[in-house]
Each structure stands twice: as structure tokens, then as C-alpha cells.
């Protein structure tokens, strides 16, 4: 009876793993770094140069930083977010966690 039980539970577990993988899928490009969890992704963008990340089914890109406010493009919508602040962009919450001379750390969640 054990082999039947294993097969019966293997399919739902595989489906769950695929679903969770789709929710937390992320990828970086141009020097950015991503770290995703069930509730969103943290993206570390280099402060200089063109960098983007593919997260939660959309593209996020650092447009620029001016006087402690980062301009982030998420799913084609550009928002300006001060360090420690957050705003909405196309159904996502965008929070700027940190801006340094070399990087910008952004948390994007649904």
C-alpha cells in the first residue's frame, strides 16, 4: 500500500512546488541581485548602469536616484519612492529600503 500512497501524494506536492516556484520566480540582469520569498522580492540594483530584474512575472528597473528618492519602473509604470517609503505600481507595492553610493535596495510585493 505504500507505493500507492506515495504516488497519490507525489502529484499534489509536485503541483504545489510548481505553483510556489511561479509565485517566487525571479531573475536578475545587468548586475542586479534578487531574493524572493512567498510575499515578494527584494532587488538590489547597482546605483550606476542599466539594471533590471524579472520578478513576480514583471520587469523591475532602477531608473535613477535623486536626493534620496529612487525612481523605479515596475511593469512599465515608473514611481518615485523616498528611502523608507512605499507606493503602489500596477498592483504591486514598491518599498525603497536602502540607498547607498553603490546600490539601491527595493522590496516589491503583491
PDB file of N, CA and C in Angstrom:
ATOM      1  N   UNK A   1       0.799  -1.192   0.000  1.00  0.00           N
ATOM      2  CA  UNK A   1       0.000   0.000   0.000  1.00  0.00           C
ATOM      3  C   UNK A   1       0.851   1.269   0.000  1.00  0.00           C
ATOM      4  N   UNK A   2       2.043   1.195   0.429  1.00  0.00           N
ATOM      5  CA  UNK A   2       2.909   2.368   0.450  1.00  0.00           C
ATOM      6  C   UNK A   2       3.162   2.951  -0.933  1.00  0.00           C
ATOM      7  N   UNK A   3       3.460   2.148  -1.986  1.00  0.00           N
ATOM      8  CA  UNK A   3       3.699   2.750  -3.298  1.00  0.00           C
ATOM      9  C   UNK A   3       2.503   3.554  -3.799  1.00  0.00           C
ATOM     10  N   UNK A   4       1.288   3.100  -3.540  1.00  0.00           N
ATOM     11  CA  UNK A   4       0.103   3.831  -3.968  1.00  0.00           C
ATOM     12  C   UNK A   4       0.011   5.146  -3.225  1.00  0.00           C
ATOM     13  N   UNK A   5       0.279   5.122  -1.936  1.00  0.00           N
ATOM     14  CA  UNK A   5       0.234   6.333  -1.129  1.00  0.00           C
ATOM     15  C   UNK A   5       1.272   7.337  -1.624  1.00  0.00           C
ATOM     16  N   UNK A   6       2.454   6.884  -1.953  1.00  0.00           N
ATOM     17  CA  UNK A   6       3.498   7.786  -2.442  1.00  0.00           C
ATOM     18  C   UNK A   6       3.076   8.443  -3.751  1.00  0.00           C
ATOM     19  N   UNK A   7       2.511   7.645  -4.661  1.00  0.00           N
ATOM     20  CA  UNK A   7       2.065   8.214  -5.932  1.00  0.00           C
ATOM     21  C   UNK A   7       0.907   9.177  -5.718  1.00  0.00           C
ATOM     22  N   UNK A   8       0.024   8.856  -4.798  1.00  0.00           N
ATOM     23  CA  UNK A   8      -1.141   9.706  -4.551  1.00  0.00           C
ATOM     24  C   UNK A   8      -0.738  11.053  -3.971  1.00  0.00           C
ATOM     25  N   UNK A   9       0.322  11.098  -3.187  1.00  0.00           N
ATOM     26  CA  UNK A   9       0.746  12.372  -2.603  1.00  0.00           C
ATOM     27  C   UNK A   9       1.792  13.077  -3.440  1.00  0.00           C
ATOM     28  N   UNK A  10       2.473  12.366  -4.316  1.00  0.00           N
ATOM     29  CA  UNK A  10       3.530  12.978  -5.120  1.00  0.00           C
ATOM     30  C   UNK A  10       2.979  14.014  -6.090  1.00  0.00           C
ATOM     31  N   UNK A  11       1.883  13.730  -6.746  1.00  0.00           N
ATOM     32  CA  UNK A  11       1.324  14.664  -7.729  1.00  0.00           C
ATOM     33  C   UNK A  11       0.896  15.985  -7.087  1.00  0.00           C
ATOM     34  N   UNK A  12       0.133  15.961  -5.982  1.00  0.00           N
ATOM     35  CA  UNK A  12      -0.223  17.244  -5.365  1.00  0.00           C
ATOM     36  C   UNK A  12       0.996  18.013  -4.855  1.00  0.00           C
ATOM     37  N   UNK A  13       1.990  17.331  -4.342  1.00  0.00           N
ATOM     38  CA  UNK A  13       3.192  18.018  -3.872  1.00  0.00           C
ATOM     39  C   UNK A  13       3.955  18.636  -5.026  1.00  0.00           C
ATOM     40  N   UNK A  14       4.028  17.947  -6.152  1.00  0.00           N
ATOM     41  CA  UNK A  14       4.694  18.498  -7.330  1.00  0.00           C
ATOM     42  C   UNK A  14       3.945  19.734  -7.836  1.00  0.00           C
ATOM     43  N   UNK A  15       2.633  19.678  -7.844  1.00  0.00           N
ATOM     44  CA  UNK A  15       1.831  20.829  -8.277  1.00  0.00           C
ATOM     45  C   UNK A  15       2.041  22.019  -7.347  1.00  0.00           C
ATOM     46  N   UNK A  16       2.115  21.767  -6.045  1.00  0.00           N
ATOM     47  CA  UNK A  16       2.363  22.829  -5.082  1.00  0.00           C
ATOM     48  C   UNK A  16       3.741  23.448  -5.311  1.00  0.00           C
ATOM     49  N   UNK A  17       4.736  22.628  -5.548  1.00  0.00           N
ATOM     50  CA  UNK A  17       6.087  23.134  -5.792  1.00  0.00           C
ATOM     51  C   UNK A  17       6.127  24.009  -7.040  1.00  0.00           C
ATOM     52  N   UNK A  18       5.427  23.594  -8.095  1.00  0.00           N
ATOM     53  CA  UNK A  18       5.378  24.406  -9.312  1.00  0.00           C
ATOM     54  C   UNK A  18       4.666  25.720  -9.063  1.00  0.00           C
ATOM     55  N   UNK A  19       3.575  25.677  -8.320  1.00  0.00           N
ATOM     56  CA  UNK A  19       2.829  26.904  -8.025  1.00  0.00           C
ATOM     57  C   UNK A  19       3.671  27.866  -7.211  1.00  0.00           C
ATOM     58  N   UNK A  20       4.356  27.371  -6.209  1.00  0.00           N
ATOM     59  CA  UNK A  20       5.195  28.235  -5.395  1.00  0.00           C
ATOM     60  C   UNK A  20       6.369  28.757  -6.195  1.00  0.00           C
ATOM     61  N   UNK A  21       6.907  27.947  -7.052  1.00  0.00           N
ATOM     62  CA  UNK A  21       8.001  28.395  -7.904  1.00  0.00           C
ATOM     63  C   UNK A  21       7.560  29.523  -8.809  1.00  0.00           C
ATOM     64  N   UNK A  22       6.342  29.458  -9.322  1.00  0.00           N
ATOM     65  CA  UNK A  22       5.830  30.516 -10.172  1.00  0.00           C
ATOM     66  C   UNK A  22       5.604  31.803  -9.413  1.00  0.00           C
ATOM     67  N   UNK A  23       5.195  31.703  -8.175  1.00  0.00           N
ATOM     68  CA  UNK A  23       4.951  32.885  -7.357  1.00  0.00           C
ATOM     69  C   UNK A  23       6.255  33.573  -7.000  1.00  0.00           C
ATOM     70  N   UNK A  24       7.284  32.801  -6.722  1.00  0.00           N
ATOM     71  CA  UNK A  24       8.523  33.394  -6.235  1.00  0.00           C
ATOM     72  C   UNK A  24       9.595  33.486  -7.311  1.00  0.00           C
ATOM     73  N   UNK A  25       9.225  33.210  -8.551  1.00  0.00           N
ATOM     74  CA  UNK A  25      10.221  33.226  -9.622  1.00  0.00           C
ATOM     75  C   UNK A  25      10.829  34.603  -9.777  1.00  0.00           C
ATOM     76  N   UNK A  26      12.145  34.633  -9.904  1.00  0.00           N
ATOM     77  CA  UNK A  26      12.812  35.899 -10.113  1.00  0.00           C
ATOM     78  C   UNK A  26      14.125  35.659 -10.836  1.00  0.00           C
ATOM     79  N   UNK A  27      14.572  36.679 -11.516  1.00  0.00           N
ATOM     80  CA  UNK A  27      15.844  36.612 -12.203  1.00  0.00           C
ATOM     81  C   UNK A  27      16.431  37.999 -12.318  1.00  0.00           C
ATOM     82  N   UNK A  28      17.735  38.072 -12.305  1.00  0.00           N
ATOM     83  CA  UNK A  28      18.407  39.366 -12.330  1.00  0.00           C
ATOM     84  C   UNK A  28      19.153  39.554 -13.634  1.00  0.00           C
ATOM     85  N   UNK A  29      19.383  40.801 -13.956  1.00  0.00           N
ATOM     86  CA  UNK A  29      20.163  41.121 -15.137  1.00  0.00           C
ATOM     87  C   UNK A  29      20.892  42.429 -14.938  1.00  0.00           C
ATOM     88  N   UNK A  30      21.994  42.592 -15.621  1.00  0.00           N
ATOM     89  CA  UNK A  30      22.720  43.851 -15.572  1.00  0.00           C
ATOM     90  C   UNK A  30      23.314  44.175 -14.223  1.00  0.00           C
ATOM     91  N   UNK A  31      23.674  43.175 -13.443  1.00  0.00           N
ATOM     92  CA  UNK A  31      24.319  43.427 -12.159  1.00  0.00           C
ATOM     93  C   UNK A  31      23.379  43.498 -10.977  1.00  0.00           C
ATOM     94  N   UNK A  32      22.077  43.362 -11.186  1.00  0.00           N
ATOM     95  CA  UNK A  32      21.154  43.378 -10.057  1.00  0.00           C
ATOM     96  C   UNK A  32      21.123  42.000  -9.403  1.00  0.00           C
ATOM     97  N   UNK A  33      20.668  41.963  -8.157  1.00  0.00           N
ATOM     98  CA  UNK A  33      20.591  40.724  -7.393  1.00  0.00           C
ATOM     99  C   UNK A  33      19.186  40.621  -6.822  1.00  0.00           C
ATOM    100  N   UNK A  34      18.586  39.430  -6.875  1.00  0.00           N
ATOM    101  CA  UNK A  34      17.232  39.256  -6.368  1.00  0.00           C
ATOM    102  C   UNK A  34      17.184  38.179  -5.299  1.00  0.00           C
ATOM    103  N   UNK A  35      16.232  38.345  -4.388  1.00  0.00           N
ATOM    104  CA  UNK A  35      15.973  37.365  -3.347  1.00  0.00           C
ATOM    105  C   UNK A  35      14.463  37.351  -3.134  1.00  0.00           C
ATOM    106  N   UNK A  36      13.814  36.259  -3.539  1.00  0.00           N
ATOM    107  CA  UNK A  36      12.359  36.199  -3.489  1.00  0.00           C
ATOM    108  C   UNK A  36      11.870  35.241  -2.406  1.00  0.00           C
ATOM    109  N   UNK A  37      10.697  35.565  -1.875  1.00  0.00           N
ATOM    110  CA  UNK A  37      10.008  34.714  -0.914  1.00  0.00           C
ATOM    111  C   UNK A  37       8.545  34.659  -1.325  1.00  0.00           C
ATOM    112  N   UNK A  38       7.724  34.053  -0.521  1.00  0.00           N
ATOM    113  CA  UNK A  38       6.309  33.925  -0.869  1.00  0.00           C
ATOM    114  C   UNK A  38       5.595  35.270  -0.957  1.00  0.00           C
ATOM    115  N   UNK A  39       6.036  36.256  -0.188  1.00  0.00           N
ATOM    116  CA  UNK A  39       5.304  37.516  -0.164  1.00  0.00           C
ATOM    117  C   UNK A  39       5.917  38.623  -1.027  1.00  0.00           C
ATOM    118  N   UNK A  40       7.019  38.361  -1.712  1.00  0.00           N
ATOM    119  CA  UNK A  40       7.601  39.373  -2.583  1.00  0.00           C
ATOM    120  C   UNK A  40       9.066  39.122  -2.843  1.00  0.00           C
ATOM    121  N   UNK A  41       9.700  40.117  -3.472  1.00  0.00           N
ATOM    122  CA  UNK A  41      11.107  40.005  -3.831  1.00  0.00           C
ATOM    123  C   UNK A  41      11.860  41.252  -3.399  1.00  0.00           C
ATOM    124  N   UNK A  42      13.082  41.039  -2.940  1.00  0.00           N
ATOM    125  CA  UNK A  42      13.992  42.139  -2.661  1.00  0.00           C
ATOM    126  C   UNK A  42      15.001  42.174  -3.799  1.00  0.00           C
ATOM    127  N   UNK A  43      15.137  43.345  -4.394  1.00  0.00           N
ATOM    128  CA  UNK A  43      16.052  43.516  -5.520  1.00  0.00           C
ATOM    129  C   UNK A  43      17.111  44.534  -5.120  1.00  0.00           C
ATOM    130  N   UNK A  44      18.368  44.165  -5.310  1.00  0.00           N
ATOM    131  CA  UNK A  44      19.477  45.084  -5.087  1.00  0.00           C
ATOM    132  C   UNK A  44      20.002  45.501  -6.452  1.00  0.00           C
ATOM    133  N   UNK A  45      19.770  46.767  -6.788  1.00  0.00           N
ATOM    134  CA  UNK A  45      20.226  47.314  -8.055  1.00  0.00           C
ATOM    135  C   UNK A  45      21.554  48.029  -7.846  1.00  0.00           C
ATOM    136  N   UNK A  46      22.500  47.905  -8.787  1.00  0.00           N
ATOM    137  CA  UNK A  46      23.678  48.762  -8.715  1.00  0.00           C
ATOM    138  C   UNK A  46      23.234  50.206  -8.993  1.00  0.00           C
ATOM    139  N   UNK A  47      23.829  51.133  -8.317  1.00  0.00           N
ATOM    140  CA  UNK A  47      23.391  52.529  -8.443  1.00  0.00           C
ATOM    141  C   UNK A  47      23.703  53.105  -9.820  1.00  0.00           C
ATOM    142  N   UNK A  48      24.751  52.618 -10.454  1.00  0.00           N
ATOM    143  CA  UNK A  48      25.099  53.132 -11.780  1.00  0.00           C
ATOM    144  C   UNK A  48      24.898  52.036 -12.823  1.00  0.00           C
ATOM    145  N   UNK A  49      24.592  52.452 -14.033  1.00  0.00           N
ATOM    146  CA  UNK A  49      24.405  51.487 -15.110  1.00  0.00           C
ATOM    147  C   UNK A  49      22.961  51.043 -15.224  1.00  0.00           C
ATOM    148  N   UNK A  50      22.673  50.347 -16.305  1.00  0.00           N
ATOM    149  CA  UNK A  50      21.324  49.852 -16.553  1.00  0.00           C
ATOM    150  C   UNK A  50      21.174  48.468 -15.916  1.00  0.00           C
ATOM    151  N   UNK A  51      20.227  48.336 -15.020  1.00  0.00           N
ATOM    152  CA  UNK A  51      19.985  47.052 -14.368  1.00  0.00           C
ATOM    153  C   UNK A  51      18.489  46.820 -14.283  1.00  0.00           C
ATOM    154  N   UNK A  52      18.103  45.579 -14.459  1.00  0.00           N
ATOM    155  CA  UNK A  52      16.693  45.225 -14.318  1.00  0.00           C
ATOM    156  C   UNK A  52      16.597  43.827 -13.763  1.00  0.00           C
ATOM    157  N   UNK A  53      15.405  43.503 -13.258  1.00  0.00           N
ATOM    158  CA  UNK A  53      15.152  42.182 -12.708  1.00  0.00           C
ATOM    159  C   UNK A  53      13.780  41.720 -13.155  1.00  0.00           C
ATOM    160  N   UNK A  54      13.667  40.451 -13.445  1.00  0.00           N
ATOM    161  CA  UNK A  54      12.386  39.851 -13.794  1.00  0.00           C
ATOM    162  C   UNK A  54      11.867  39.175 -12.533  1.00  0.00           C
ATOM    163  N   UNK A  55      10.804  39.740 -11.955  1.00  0.00           N
ATOM    164  CA  UNK A  55      10.269  39.231 -10.688  1.00  0.00           C
ATOM    165  C   UNK A  55       8.754  39.193 -10.743  1.00  0.00           C
ATOM    166  N   UNK A  56       8.183  38.195 -10.114  1.00  0.00           N
ATOM    167  CA  UNK A  56       6.732  38.087  -9.968  1.00  0.00           C
ATOM    168  C   UNK A  56       5.998  38.282 -11.293  1.00  0.00           C
ATOM    169  N   UNK A  57       6.632  37.876 -12.378  1.00  0.00           N
ATOM    170  CA  UNK A  57       6.006  37.955 -13.692  1.00  0.00           C
ATOM    171  C   UNK A  57       6.119  39.296 -14.391  1.00  0.00           C
ATOM    172  N   UNK A  58       6.863  40.241 -13.816  1.00  0.00           N
ATOM    173  CA  UNK A  58       7.042  41.559 -14.430  1.00  0.00           C
ATOM    174  C   UNK A  58       8.523  41.942 -14.396  1.00  0.00           C
ATOM    175  N   UNK A  59       8.847  43.023 -15.095  1.00  0.00           N
ATOM    176  CA  UNK A  59      10.206  43.545 -15.083  1.00  0.00           C
ATOM    177  C   UNK A  59      10.263  44.764 -14.168  1.00  0.00           C
ATOM    178  N   UNK A  60      11.283  44.804 -13.314  1.00  0.00           N
ATOM    179  CA  UNK A  60      11.536  45.969 -12.460  1.00  0.00           C
ATOM    180  C   UNK A  60      12.882  46.541 -12.862  1.00  0.00           C
ATOM    181  N   UNK A  61      12.970  47.869 -12.884  1.00  0.00           N
ATOM    182  CA  UNK A  61      14.188  48.527 -13.344  1.00  0.00           C
ATOM    183  C   UNK A  61      14.422  49.795 -12.530  1.00  0.00           C
ATOM    184  N   UNK A  62      15.664  50.021 -12.151  1.00  0.00           N
ATOM    185  CA  UNK A  62      16.032  51.274 -11.497  1.00  0.00           C
ATOM    186  C   UNK A  62      16.218  52.324 -12.584  1.00  0.00           C
ATOM    187  N   UNK A  63      15.424  53.390 -12.520  1.00  0.00           N
ATOM    188  CA  UNK A  63      15.510  54.466 -13.497  1.00  0.00           C
ATOM    189  C   UNK A  63      16.566  55.477 -13.049  1.00  0.00           C
ATOM    190  N   UNK A  64      16.587  55.794 -11.750  1.00  0.00           N
ATOM    191  CA  UNK A  64      17.557  56.746 -11.244  1.00  0.00           C
ATOM    192  C   UNK A  64      17.302  57.073  -9.786  1.00  0.00           C
ATOM    193  N   UNK A  65      18.220  57.832  -9.201  1.00  0.00           N
ATOM    194  CA  UNK A  65      18.101  58.270  -7.805  1.00  0.00           C
ATOM    195  C   UNK A  65      18.425  59.752  -7.768  1.00  0.00           C
ATOM    196  N   UNK A  66      17.585  60.508  -7.050  1.00  0.00           N
ATOM    197  CA  UNK A  66      17.815  61.939  -6.913  1.00  0.00           C
ATOM    198  C   UNK A  66      17.413  62.368  -5.509  1.00  0.00           C
ATOM    199  N   UNK A  67      18.371  62.875  -4.751  1.00  0.00           N
ATOM    200  CA  UNK A  67      18.128  63.415  -3.408  1.00  0.00           C
ATOM    201  C   UNK A  67      17.380  62.435  -2.502  1.00  0.00           C
ATOM    202  N   UNK A  68      17.809  61.177  -2.493  1.00  0.00           N
ATOM    203  CA  UNK A  68      17.203  60.199  -1.595  1.00  0.00           C
ATOM    204  C   UNK A  68      15.889  59.612  -2.074  1.00  0.00           C
ATOM    205  N   UNK A  69      15.503  59.931  -3.289  1.00  0.00           N
ATOM    206  CA  UNK A  69      14.292  59.365  -3.871  1.00  0.00           C
ATOM    207  C   UNK A  69      14.678  58.540  -5.090  1.00  0.00           C
ATOM    208  N   UNK A  70      14.245  57.268  -5.083  1.00  0.00           N
ATOM    209  CA  UNK A  70      14.538  56.372  -6.204  1.00  0.00           C
ATOM    210  C   UNK A  70      13.357  56.346  -7.161  1.00  0.00           C
ATOM    211  N   UNK A  71      13.659  56.356  -8.434  1.00  0.00           N
ATOM    212  CA  UNK A  71      12.637  56.180  -9.465  1.00  0.00           C
ATOM    213  C   UNK A  71      12.758  54.745  -9.960  1.00  0.00           C
ATOM    214  N   UNK A  72      11.708  53.985  -9.752  1.00  0.00           N
ATOM    215  CA  UNK A  72      11.678  52.568 -10.085  1.00  0.00           C
ATOM    216  C   UNK A  72      10.569  52.337 -11.109  1.00  0.00           C
ATOM    217  N   UNK A  73      10.885  51.553 -12.130  1.00  0.00           N
ATOM    218  CA  UNK A  73       9.866  51.158 -13.103  1.00  0.00           C
ATOM    219  C   UNK A  73       9.466  49.718 -12.803  1.00  0.00           C
ATOM    220  N   UNK A  74       8.172  49.506 -12.592  1.00  0.00           N
ATOM    221  CA  UNK A  74       7.630  48.168 -12.331  1.00  0.00           C
ATOM    222  C   UNK A  74       6.487  47.935 -13.296  1.00  0.00           C
ATOM    223  N   UNK A  75       6.596  46.897 -14.107  1.00  0.00           N
ATOM    224  CA  UNK A  75       5.563  46.545 -15.085  1.00  0.00           C
ATOM    225  C   UNK A  75       5.219  47.731 -15.985  1.00  0.00           C
ATOM    226  N   UNK A  76       6.243  48.519 -16.358  1.00  0.00           N
ATOM    227  CA  UNK A  76       6.038  49.635 -17.260  1.00  0.00           C
ATOM    228  C   UNK A  76       5.599  50.924 -16.603  1.00  0.00           C
ATOM    229  N   UNK A  77       5.335  50.925 -15.312  1.00  0.00           N
ATOM    230  CA  UNK A  77       4.914  52.131 -14.592  1.00  0.00           C
ATOM    231  C   UNK A  77       6.064  52.630 -13.725  1.00  0.00           C
ATOM    232  N   UNK A  78       6.438  53.895 -13.885  1.00  0.00           N
ATOM    233  CA  UNK A  78       7.525  54.468 -13.107  1.00  0.00           C
ATOM    234  C   UNK A  78       6.964  55.209 -11.898  1.00  0.00           C
ATOM    235  N   UNK A  79       7.542  54.916 -10.728  1.00  0.00           N
ATOM    236  CA  UNK A  79       7.136  55.573  -9.487  1.00  0.00           C
ATOM    237  C   UNK A  79       8.375  56.155  -8.814  1.00  0.00           C
ATOM    238  N   UNK A  80       8.180  57.231  -8.054  1.00  0.00           N
ATOM    239  CA  UNK A  80       9.249  57.846  -7.266  1.00  0.00           C
ATOM    240  C   UNK A  80       8.981  57.517  -5.805  1.00  0.00           C
ATOM    241  N   UNK A  81       9.980  56.888  -5.158  1.00  0.00           N
ATOM    242  CA  UNK A  81       9.801  56.427  -3.781  1.00  0.00           C
ATOM    243  C   UNK A  81      10.990  56.892  -2.935  1.00  0.00           C
ATOM    244  N   UNK A  82      10.722  57.631  -1.850  1.00  0.00           N
ATOM    245  CA  UNK A  82      11.824  58.031  -0.979  1.00  0.00           C
ATOM    246  C   UNK A  82      12.319  56.847  -0.153  1.00  0.00           C
ATOM    247  N   UNK A  83      13.542  56.931   0.317  1.00  0.00           N
ATOM    248  CA  UNK A  83      14.098  55.871   1.163  1.00  0.00           C
ATOM    249  C   UNK A  83      13.197  55.700   2.381  1.00  0.00           C
ATOM    250  N   UNK A  84      12.809  54.457   2.657  1.00  0.00           N
ATOM    251  CA  UNK A  84      11.918  54.149   3.774  1.00  0.00           C
ATOM    252  C   UNK A  84      10.445  54.282   3.436  1.00  0.00           C
ATOM    253  N   UNK A  85      10.156  54.786   2.247  1.00  0.00           N
ATOM    254  CA  UNK A  85       8.767  54.963   1.829  1.00  0.00           C
ATOM    255  C   UNK A  85       8.329  53.843   0.903  1.00  0.00           C
ATOM    256  N   UNK A  86       7.033  53.820   0.627  1.00  0.00           N
ATOM    257  CA  UNK A  86       6.488  52.839  -0.314  1.00  0.00           C
ATOM    258  C   UNK A  86       5.333  53.455  -1.072  1.00  0.00           C
ATOM    259  N   UNK A  87       5.056  52.875  -2.232  1.00  0.00           N
ATOM    260  CA  UNK A  87       3.954  53.324  -3.070  1.00  0.00           C
ATOM    261  C   UNK A  87       3.466  52.156  -3.912  1.00  0.00           C
ATOM    262  N   UNK A  88       2.338  52.342  -4.579  1.00  0.00           N
ATOM    263  CA  UNK A  88       1.763  51.290  -5.424  1.00  0.00           C
ATOM    264  C   UNK A  88       2.151  51.533  -6.876  1.00  0.00           C
ATOM    265  N   UNK A  89       2.364  50.431  -7.604  1.00  0.00           N
ATOM    266  CA  UNK A  89       2.654  50.493  -9.037  1.00  0.00           C
ATOM    267  C   UNK A  89       2.055  49.267  -9.696  1.00  0.00           C
ATOM    268  N   UNK A  90       0.998  49.458 -10.454  1.00  0.00           N
ATOM    269  CA  UNK A  90       0.379  48.394 -11.233  1.00  0.00           C
ATOM    270  C   UNK A  90       0.057  47.146 -10.396  1.00  0.00           C
ATOM    271  N   UNK A  91      -0.514  47.358  -9.197  1.00  0.00           N
ATOM    272  CA  UNK A  91      -0.905  46.240  -8.347  1.00  0.00           C
ATOM    273  C   UNK A  91       0.199  45.712  -7.442  1.00  0.00           C
ATOM    274  N   UNK A  92       1.369  46.336  -7.467  1.00  0.00           N
ATOM    275  CA  UNK A  92       2.487  45.933  -6.631  1.00  0.00           C
ATOM    276  C   UNK A  92       2.779  47.039  -5.619  1.00  0.00           C
ATOM    277  N   UNK A  93       3.322  46.660  -4.475  1.00  0.00           N
ATOM    278  CA  UNK A  93       3.813  47.624  -3.505  1.00  0.00           C
ATOM    279  C   UNK A  93       5.318  47.713  -3.681  1.00  0.00           C
ATOM    280  N   UNK A  94       5.814  48.923  -3.848  1.00  0.00           N
ATOM    281  CA  UNK A  94       7.240  49.159  -4.064  1.00  0.00           C
ATOM    282  C   UNK A  94       7.768  49.940  -2.867  1.00  0.00           C
ATOM    283  N   UNK A  95       8.744  49.367  -2.164  1.00  0.00           N
ATOM    284  CA  UNK A  95       9.336  49.998  -0.989  1.00  0.00           C
ATOM    285  C   UNK A  95      10.848  50.117  -1.207  1.00  0.00           C
ATOM    286  N   UNK A  96      11.369  51.313  -0.999  1.00  0.00           N
ATOM    287  CA  UNK A  96      12.815  51.516  -1.092  1.00  0.00           C
ATOM    288  C   UNK A  96      13.380  51.359   0.316  1.00  0.00           C
ATOM    289  N   UNK A  97      14.168  50.313   0.503  1.00  0.00           N
ATOM    290  CA  UNK A  97      14.710  50.010   1.822  1.00  0.00           C
ATOM    291  C   UNK A  97      16.013  50.743   2.109  1.00  0.00           C
ATOM    292  N   UNK A  98      16.850  50.897   1.076  1.00  0.00           N
ATOM    293  CA  UNK A  98      18.163  51.496   1.325  1.00  0.00           C
ATOM    294  C   UNK A  98      18.730  52.046   0.025  1.00  0.00           C
ATOM    295  N   UNK A  99      19.399  53.192   0.130  1.00  0.00           N
ATOM    296  CA  UNK A  99      20.143  53.774  -0.988  1.00  0.00           C
ATOM    297  C   UNK A  99      21.531  54.111  -0.467  1.00  0.00           C
ATOM    298  N   UNK A 100      22.552  53.583  -1.127  1.00  0.00           N
ATOM    299  CA  UNK A 100      23.932  53.895  -0.780  1.00  0.00           C
ATOM    300  C   UNK A 100      24.620  54.468  -2.016  1.00  0.00           C
ATOM    301  N   UNK A 101      25.905  54.735  -1.898  1.00  0.00           N
ATOM    302  CA  UNK A 101      26.663  55.235  -3.046  1.00  0.00           C
ATOM    303  C   UNK A 101      26.758  54.203  -4.158  1.00  0.00           C
ATOM    304  N   UNK A 102      26.615  52.924  -3.816  1.00  0.00           N
ATOM    305  CA  UNK A 102      26.832  51.863  -4.806  1.00  0.00           C
ATOM    306  C   UNK A 102      25.586  51.051  -5.167  1.00  0.00           C
ATOM    307  N   UNK A 103      24.526  51.096  -4.328  1.00  0.00           N
ATOM    308  CA  UNK A 103      23.365  50.244  -4.597  1.00  0.00           C
ATOM    309  C   UNK A 103      22.063  50.846  -4.093  1.00  0.00           C
ATOM    310  N   UNK A 104      20.977  50.307  -4.637  1.00  0.00           N
ATOM    311  CA  UNK A 104      19.631  50.668  -4.216  1.00  0.00           C
ATOM    312  C   UNK A 104      18.895  49.361  -3.935  1.00  0.00           C
ATOM    313  N   UNK A 105      18.362  49.217  -2.716  1.00  0.00           N
ATOM    314  CA  UNK A 105      17.669  48.000  -2.331  1.00  0.00           C
ATOM    315  C   UNK A 105      16.166  48.284  -2.277  1.00  0.00           C
ATOM    316  N   UNK A 106      15.405  47.509  -3.067  1.00  0.00           N
ATOM    317  CA  UNK A 106      13.974  47.725  -3.234  1.00  0.00           C
ATOM    318  C   UNK A 106      13.232  46.436  -2.910  1.00  0.00           C
ATOM    319  N   UNK A 107      12.118  46.545  -2.201  1.00  0.00           N
ATOM    320  CA  UNK A 107      11.252  45.402  -1.910  1.00  0.00           C
ATOM    321  C   UNK A 107       9.973  45.582  -2.728  1.00  0.00           C
ATOM    322  N   UNK A 108       9.655  44.571  -3.540  1.00  0.00           N
ATOM    323  CA  UNK A 108       8.448  44.616  -4.381  1.00  0.00           C
ATOM    324  C   UNK A 108       7.580  43.425  -4.014  1.00  0.00           C
ATOM    325  N   UNK A 109       6.320  43.725  -3.700  1.00  0.00           N
ATOM    326  CA  UNK A 109       5.406  42.651  -3.290  1.00  0.00           C
ATOM    327  C   UNK A 109       4.036  42.907  -3.902  1.00  0.00           C
ATOM    328  N   UNK A 110       3.217  41.865  -3.872  1.00  0.00           N
ATOM    329  CA  UNK A 110       1.855  41.967  -4.397  1.00  0.00           C
ATOM    330  C   UNK A 110       0.925  42.473  -3.331  1.00  0.00           C
TER     331      UNK A 110
END
